[in-house]
Amino acid sequence: MNRFRDGAGLPPEAQAPAIGVVRRAGHRRRRATGLLRAPGAEAVDVRGGTRERAAAGPPVAASEGRNGTVT
């Protein structure tokens, strides 16, 4: 999130049709969504938070691309 706040462009992997933004706290999620939208990304604010989404069953990936966990 800091990179986008500081004006960094979107990385190539963020050029997807839509980016779902999931975070634990709603305020940070809304802020991250806005930062992604500013340079033109189609970002979607996914409500429910990280724990609720993980409990619902969708896979969780760690930043390195391996299977992740939510604690």
PDB file of N, CA and C in Angstrom:
ATOM      1  N   MET A   1       0.821  -1.169   0.000  1.00  0.00           N
ATOM      2  CA  MET A   1       0.000   0.000   0.000  1.00  0.00           C
ATOM      3  C   MET A   1       0.874   1.244   0.000  1.00  0.00           C
ATOM      4  N   ASN A   2       1.995   1.192   0.670  1.00  0.00           N
ATOM      5  CA  ASN A   2       2.885   2.359   0.719  1.00  0.00           C
ATOM      6  C   ASN A   2       3.391   2.736  -0.663  1.00  0.00           C
ATOM      7  N   ARG A   3       3.692   1.742  -1.496  1.00  0.00           N
ATOM      8  CA  ARG A   3       4.182   2.042  -2.848  1.00  0.00           C
ATOM      9  C   ARG A   3       3.177   2.860  -3.632  1.00  0.00           C
ATOM     10  N   PHE A   4       1.908   2.502  -3.542  1.00  0.00           N
ATOM     11  CA  PHE A   4       0.878   3.228  -4.290  1.00  0.00           C
ATOM     12  C   PHE A   4       0.663   4.614  -3.706  1.00  0.00           C
ATOM     13  N   ARG A   5       0.707   4.712  -2.397  1.00  0.00           N
ATOM     14  CA  ARG A   5       0.548   6.017  -1.751  1.00  0.00           C
ATOM     15  C   ARG A   5       1.658   6.962  -2.184  1.00  0.00           C
ATOM     16  N   ASP A   6       2.852   6.406  -2.385  1.00  0.00           N
ATOM     17  CA  ASP A   6       4.001   7.225  -2.769  1.00  0.00           C
ATOM     18  C   ASP A   6       4.066   7.488  -4.265  1.00  0.00           C
ATOM     19  N   GLY A   7       3.051   7.033  -5.015  1.00  0.00           N
ATOM     20  CA  GLY A   7       2.969   7.355  -6.433  1.00  0.00           C
ATOM     21  C   GLY A   7       3.548   6.331  -7.386  1.00  0.00           C
ATOM     22  N   ALA A   8       3.896   5.149  -6.897  1.00  0.00           N
ATOM     23  CA  ALA A   8       4.426   4.111  -7.784  1.00  0.00           C
ATOM     24  C   ALA A   8       3.330   3.659  -8.740  1.00  0.00           C
ATOM     25  N   GLY A   9       3.706   3.304  -9.939  1.00  0.00           N
ATOM     26  CA  GLY A   9       2.750   2.792 -10.913  1.00  0.00           C
ATOM     27  C   GLY A   9       2.322   1.374 -10.570  1.00  0.00           C
ATOM     28  N   LEU A  10       1.340   0.896 -11.299  1.00  0.00           N
ATOM     29  CA  LEU A  10       0.854  -0.460 -11.082  1.00  0.00           C
ATOM     30  C   LEU A  10       1.813  -1.473 -11.696  1.00  0.00           C
ATOM     31  N   PRO A  11       2.116  -2.553 -10.968  1.00  0.00           N
ATOM     32  CA  PRO A  11       2.962  -3.602 -11.540  1.00  0.00           C
ATOM     33  C   PRO A  11       2.190  -4.339 -12.640  1.00  0.00           C
ATOM     34  N   PRO A  12       2.869  -5.039 -13.533  1.00  0.00           N
ATOM     35  CA  PRO A  12       2.190  -5.737 -14.631  1.00  0.00           C
ATOM     36  C   PRO A  12       1.088  -6.684 -14.164  1.00  0.00           C
ATOM     37  N   GLU A  13       1.296  -7.384 -13.039  1.00  0.00           N
ATOM     38  CA  GLU A  13       0.277  -8.329 -12.566  1.00  0.00           C
ATOM     39  C   GLU A  13      -1.001  -7.638 -12.102  1.00  0.00           C
ATOM     40  N   ALA A  14      -0.955  -6.333 -11.907  1.00  0.00           N
ATOM     41  CA  ALA A  14      -2.144  -5.586 -11.488  1.00  0.00           C
ATOM     42  C   ALA A  14      -2.918  -5.058 -12.686  1.00  0.00           C
ATOM     43  N   GLN A  15      -2.548  -5.449 -13.881  1.00  0.00           N
ATOM     44  CA  GLN A  15      -3.227  -5.002 -15.089  1.00  0.00           C
ATOM     45  C   GLN A  15      -4.370  -5.942 -15.460  1.00  0.00           C
ATOM     46  N   ALA A  16      -4.800  -6.764 -14.526  1.00  0.00           N
ATOM     47  CA  ALA A  16      -5.899  -7.701 -14.745  1.00  0.00           C
ATOM     48  C   ALA A  16      -7.206  -6.929 -14.920  1.00  0.00           C
ATOM     49  N   PRO A  17      -8.247  -7.595 -15.438  1.00  0.00           N
ATOM     50  CA  PRO A  17      -9.532  -6.911 -15.606  1.00  0.00           C
ATOM     51  C   PRO A  17     -10.067  -6.297 -14.313  1.00  0.00           C
ATOM     52  N   ALA A  18      -9.889  -6.984 -13.191  1.00  0.00           N
ATOM     53  CA  ALA A  18     -10.346  -6.433 -11.908  1.00  0.00           C
ATOM     54  C   ALA A  18      -9.467  -6.980 -10.791  1.00  0.00           C
ATOM     55  N   ILE A  19      -9.253  -6.165  -9.768  1.00  0.00           N
ATOM     56  CA  ILE A  19      -8.449  -6.546  -8.612  1.00  0.00           C
ATOM     57  C   ILE A  19      -9.365  -6.503  -7.392  1.00  0.00           C
ATOM     58  N   GLY A  20      -9.472  -7.622  -6.680  1.00  0.00           N
ATOM     59  CA  GLY A  20     -10.242  -7.648  -5.439  1.00  0.00           C
ATOM     60  C   GLY A  20      -9.339  -7.265  -4.280  1.00  0.00           C
ATOM     61  N   VAL A  21      -9.768  -6.300  -3.476  1.00  0.00           N
ATOM     62  CA  VAL A  21      -8.977  -5.836  -2.339  1.00  0.00           C
ATOM     63  C   VAL A  21      -9.605  -6.364  -1.061  1.00  0.00           C
ATOM     64  N   VAL A  22      -8.842  -7.213  -0.344  1.00  0.00           N
ATOM     65  CA  VAL A  22      -9.310  -7.800   0.909  1.00  0.00           C
ATOM     66  C   VAL A  22      -8.279  -7.485   1.976  1.00  0.00           C
ATOM     67  N   ARG A  23      -8.708  -6.885   3.052  1.00  0.00           N
ATOM     68  CA  ARG A  23      -7.837  -6.575   4.186  1.00  0.00           C
ATOM     69  C   ARG A  23      -8.635  -6.837   5.454  1.00  0.00           C
ATOM     70  N   ARG A  24      -7.950  -6.872   6.569  1.00  0.00           N
ATOM     71  CA  ARG A  24      -8.648  -7.099   7.840  1.00  0.00           C
ATOM     72  C   ARG A  24      -9.470  -5.894   8.265  1.00  0.00           C
ATOM     73  N   ALA A  25      -8.953  -4.700   8.037  1.00  0.00           N
ATOM     74  CA  ALA A  25      -9.640  -3.489   8.502  1.00  0.00           C
ATOM     75  C   ALA A  25     -10.311  -2.777   7.334  1.00  0.00           C
ATOM     76  N   GLY A  26     -11.553  -2.368   7.510  1.00  0.00           N
ATOM     77  CA  GLY A  26     -12.307  -1.706   6.459  1.00  0.00           C
ATOM     78  C   GLY A  26     -11.695  -0.405   5.989  1.00  0.00           C
ATOM     79  N   HIS A  27     -11.172   0.401   6.921  1.00  0.00           N
ATOM     80  CA  HIS A  27     -10.597   1.687   6.538  1.00  0.00           C
ATOM     81  C   HIS A  27      -9.410   1.487   5.602  1.00  0.00           C
ATOM     82  N   ARG A  28      -8.521   0.582   5.916  1.00  0.00           N
ATOM     83  CA  ARG A  28      -7.344   0.332   5.081  1.00  0.00           C
ATOM     84  C   ARG A  28      -7.743  -0.291   3.748  1.00  0.00           C
ATOM     85  N   ARG A  29      -8.764  -1.119   3.761  1.00  0.00           N
ATOM     86  CA  ARG A  29      -9.250  -1.735   2.521  1.00  0.00           C
ATOM     87  C   ARG A  29      -9.793  -0.662   1.580  1.00  0.00           C
ATOM     88  N   ARG A  30     -10.587   0.252   2.103  1.00  0.00           N
ATOM     89  CA  ARG A  30     -11.128   1.331   1.273  1.00  0.00           C
ATOM     90  C   ARG A  30     -10.023   2.227   0.747  1.00  0.00           C
ATOM     91  N   ARG A  31      -9.032   2.501   1.586  1.00  0.00           N
ATOM     92  CA  ARG A  31      -7.907   3.340   1.158  1.00  0.00           C
ATOM     93  C   ARG A  31      -7.104   2.652   0.056  1.00  0.00           C
ATOM     94  N   ALA A  32      -6.812   1.366   0.242  1.00  0.00           N
ATOM     95  CA  ALA A  32      -6.063   0.616  -0.772  1.00  0.00           C
ATOM     96  C   ALA A  32      -6.835   0.561  -2.086  1.00  0.00           C
ATOM     97  N   THR A  33      -8.142   0.384  -2.017  1.00  0.00           N
ATOM     98  CA  THR A  33      -8.964   0.361  -3.224  1.00  0.00           C
ATOM     99  C   THR A  33      -8.853   1.689  -3.966  1.00  0.00           C
ATOM    100  N   GLY A  34      -8.943   2.784  -3.232  1.00  0.00           N
ATOM    101  CA  GLY A  34      -8.815   4.102  -3.848  1.00  0.00           C
ATOM    102  C   GLY A  34      -7.458   4.336  -4.473  1.00  0.00           C
ATOM    103  N   LEU A  35      -6.409   3.877  -3.796  1.00  0.00           N
ATOM    104  CA  LEU A  35      -5.049   4.041  -4.327  1.00  0.00           C
ATOM    105  C   LEU A  35      -4.861   3.245  -5.615  1.00  0.00           C
ATOM    106  N   LEU A  36      -5.476   2.073  -5.703  1.00  0.00           N
ATOM    107  CA  LEU A  36      -5.377   1.275  -6.920  1.00  0.00           C
ATOM    108  C   LEU A  36      -6.195   1.885  -8.056  1.00  0.00           C
ATOM    109  N   ARG A  37      -7.332   2.466  -7.718  1.00  0.00           N
ATOM    110  CA  ARG A  37      -8.181   3.072  -8.747  1.00  0.00           C
ATOM    111  C   ARG A  37      -7.577   4.350  -9.324  1.00  0.00           C
ATOM    112  N   ALA A  38      -6.811   5.077  -8.522  1.00  0.00           N
ATOM    113  CA  ALA A  38      -6.267   6.367  -8.962  1.00  0.00           C
ATOM    114  C   ALA A  38      -5.486   6.270 -10.272  1.00  0.00           C
ATOM    115  N   PRO A  39      -4.592   5.290 -10.453  1.00  0.00           N
ATOM    116  CA  PRO A  39      -3.874   5.205 -11.730  1.00  0.00           C
ATOM    117  C   PRO A  39      -4.646   4.451 -12.813  1.00  0.00           C
ATOM    118  N   GLY A  40      -5.896   4.077 -12.527  1.00  0.00           N
ATOM    119  CA  GLY A  40      -6.717   3.465 -13.564  1.00  0.00           C
ATOM    120  C   GLY A  40      -7.066   2.002 -13.408  1.00  0.00           C
ATOM    121  N   ALA A  41      -6.687   1.359 -12.326  1.00  0.00           N
ATOM    122  CA  ALA A  41      -7.028  -0.057 -12.137  1.00  0.00           C
ATOM    123  C   ALA A  41      -8.498  -0.190 -11.772  1.00  0.00           C
ATOM    124  N   GLU A  42      -9.096  -1.281 -12.187  1.00  0.00           N
ATOM    125  CA  GLU A  42     -10.457  -1.584 -11.767  1.00  0.00           C
ATOM    126  C   GLU A  42     -10.350  -2.381 -10.464  1.00  0.00           C
ATOM    127  N   ALA A  43     -10.457  -1.695  -9.336  1.00  0.00           N
ATOM    128  CA  ALA A  43     -10.318  -2.331  -8.027  1.00  0.00           C
ATOM    129  C   ALA A  43     -11.685  -2.444  -7.369  1.00  0.00           C
ATOM    130  N   VAL A  44     -11.928  -3.588  -6.730  1.00  0.00           N
ATOM    131  CA  VAL A  44     -13.200  -3.858  -6.069  1.00  0.00           C
ATOM    132  C   VAL A  44     -12.945  -4.025  -4.580  1.00  0.00           C
ATOM    133  N   ASP A  45     -13.676  -3.278  -3.772  1.00  0.00           N
ATOM    134  CA  ASP A  45     -13.588  -3.355  -2.313  1.00  0.00           C
ATOM    135  C   ASP A  45     -14.402  -4.562  -1.854  1.00  0.00           C
ATOM    136  N   VAL A  46     -13.713  -5.644  -1.466  1.00  0.00           N
ATOM    137  CA  VAL A  46     -14.380  -6.884  -1.058  1.00  0.00           C
ATOM    138  C   VAL A  46     -14.654  -6.812   0.443  1.00  0.00           C
ATOM    139  N   ARG A  47     -15.910  -6.736   0.779  1.00  0.00           N
ATOM    140  CA  ARG A  47     -16.283  -6.623   2.190  1.00  0.00           C
ATOM    141  C   ARG A  47     -16.174  -7.965   2.892  1.00  0.00           C
ATOM    142  N   GLY A  48     -16.013  -7.905   4.195  1.00  0.00           N
ATOM    143  CA  GLY A  48     -15.977  -9.119   4.994  1.00  0.00           C
ATOM    144  C   GLY A  48     -14.656  -9.349   5.699  1.00  0.00           C
ATOM    145  N   GLY A  49     -13.605  -8.789   5.193  1.00  0.00           N
ATOM    146  CA  GLY A  49     -12.312  -8.951   5.840  1.00  0.00           C
ATOM    147  C   GLY A  49     -11.642 -10.274   5.513  1.00  0.00           C
ATOM    148  N   THR A  50     -10.373 -10.325   5.793  1.00  0.00           N
ATOM    149  CA  THR A  50      -9.555 -11.478   5.455  1.00  0.00           C
ATOM    150  C   THR A  50     -10.029 -12.750   6.146  1.00  0.00           C
ATOM    151  N   ARG A  51     -10.289 -12.686   7.429  1.00  0.00           N
ATOM    152  CA  ARG A  51     -10.694 -13.892   8.172  1.00  0.00           C
ATOM    153  C   ARG A  51     -12.013 -14.440   7.670  1.00  0.00           C
ATOM    154  N   GLU A  52     -12.988 -13.573   7.430  1.00  0.00           N
ATOM    155  CA  GLU A  52     -14.294 -14.028   6.964  1.00  0.00           C
ATOM    156  C   GLU A  52     -14.190 -14.656   5.571  1.00  0.00           C
ATOM    157  N   ARG A  53     -13.405 -14.053   4.685  1.00  0.00           N
ATOM    158  CA  ARG A  53     -13.229 -14.593   3.337  1.00  0.00           C
ATOM    159  C   ARG A  53     -12.534 -15.947   3.382  1.00  0.00           C
ATOM    160  N   ALA A  54     -11.505 -16.083   4.205  1.00  0.00           N
ATOM    161  CA  ALA A  54     -10.788 -17.353   4.306  1.00  0.00           C
ATOM    162  C   ALA A  54     -11.700 -18.440   4.870  1.00  0.00           C
ATOM    163  N   ALA A  55     -12.529 -18.088   5.846  1.00  0.00           N
ATOM    164  CA  ALA A  55     -13.441 -19.057   6.446  1.00  0.00           C
ATOM    165  C   ALA A  55     -14.502 -19.524   5.447  1.00  0.00           C
ATOM    166  N   ALA A  56     -14.817 -18.684   4.453  1.00  0.00           N
ATOM    167  CA  ALA A  56     -15.822 -19.030   3.447  1.00  0.00           C
ATOM    168  C   ALA A  56     -15.306 -20.049   2.439  1.00  0.00           C
ATOM    169  N   GLY A  57     -13.992 -20.260   2.390  1.00  0.00           N
ATOM    170  CA  GLY A  57     -13.455 -21.306   1.554  1.00  0.00           C
ATOM    171  C   GLY A  57     -12.588 -20.917   0.370  1.00  0.00           C
ATOM    172  N   PRO A  58     -12.590 -19.655  -0.106  1.00  0.00           N
ATOM    173  CA  PRO A  58     -11.701 -19.359  -1.235  1.00  0.00           C
ATOM    174  C   PRO A  58     -10.243 -19.571  -0.842  1.00  0.00           C
ATOM    175  N   PRO A  59      -9.397 -19.991  -1.787  1.00  0.00           N
ATOM    176  CA  PRO A  59      -7.989 -20.193  -1.454  1.00  0.00           C
ATOM    177  C   PRO A  59      -7.312 -18.887  -1.067  1.00  0.00           C
ATOM    178  N   VAL A  60      -6.326 -18.986  -0.218  1.00  0.00           N
ATOM    179  CA  VAL A  60      -5.547 -17.834   0.230  1.00  0.00           C
ATOM    180  C   VAL A  60      -4.114 -18.060  -0.228  1.00  0.00           C
ATOM    181  N   ALA A  61      -3.532 -17.064  -0.882  1.00  0.00           N
ATOM    182  CA  ALA A  61      -2.157 -17.185  -1.362  1.00  0.00           C
ATOM    183  C   ALA A  61      -1.257 -16.236  -0.593  1.00  0.00           C
ATOM    184  N   ALA A  62      -0.077 -16.710  -0.245  1.00  0.00           N
ATOM    185  CA  ALA A  62       0.925 -15.870   0.397  1.00  0.00           C
ATOM    186  C   ALA A  62       1.571 -14.992  -0.674  1.00  0.00           C
ATOM    187  N   SER A  63       2.287 -13.988  -0.255  1.00  0.00           N
ATOM    188  CA  SER A  63       2.891 -13.057  -1.197  1.00  0.00           C
ATOM    189  C   SER A  63       3.872 -13.742  -2.143  1.00  0.00           C
ATOM    190  N   GLU A  64       4.429 -14.870  -1.745  1.00  0.00           N
ATOM    191  CA  GLU A  64       5.370 -15.606  -2.602  1.00  0.00           C
ATOM    192  C   GLU A  64       4.649 -16.542  -3.562  1.00  0.00           C
ATOM    193  N   GLY A  65       3.312 -16.587  -3.508  1.00  0.00           N
ATOM    194  CA  GLY A  65       2.532 -17.435  -4.403  1.00  0.00           C
ATOM    195  C   GLY A  65       2.202 -18.808  -3.862  1.00  0.00           C
ATOM    196  N   ARG A  66       2.775 -19.180  -2.723  1.00  0.00           N
ATOM    197  CA  ARG A  66       2.466 -20.490  -2.137  1.00  0.00           C
ATOM    198  C   ARG A  66       1.158 -20.391  -1.360  1.00  0.00           C
ATOM    199  N   ASN A  67       0.641 -21.524  -0.894  1.00  0.00           N
ATOM    200  CA  ASN A  67      -0.582 -21.526  -0.105  1.00  0.00           C
ATOM    201  C   ASN A  67      -0.375 -20.700   1.147  1.00  0.00           C
ATOM    202  N   GLY A  68      -1.346 -19.876   1.472  1.00  0.00           N
ATOM    203  CA  GLY A  68      -1.250 -19.023   2.645  1.00  0.00           C
ATOM    204  C   GLY A  68      -2.236 -19.422   3.721  1.00  0.00           C
ATOM    205  N   THR A  69      -2.112 -18.793   4.871  1.00  0.00           N
ATOM    206  CA  THR A  69      -3.026 -19.015   5.982  1.00  0.00           C
ATOM    207  C   THR A  69      -3.437 -17.671   6.538  1.00  0.00           C
ATOM    208  N   VAL A  70      -4.561 -17.641   7.231  1.00  0.00           N
ATOM    209  CA  VAL A  70      -5.034 -16.434   7.897  1.00  0.00           C
ATOM    210  C   VAL A  70      -5.143 -16.752   9.364  1.00  0.00           C
ATOM    211  N   THR A  71      -4.457 -15.972  10.192  1.00  0.00           N
ATOM    212  CA  THR A  71      -4.488 -16.227  11.634  1.00  0.00           C
ATOM    213  C   THR A  71      -5.188 -15.116  12.363  1.00  0.00           C
TER     214      THR A  71
END
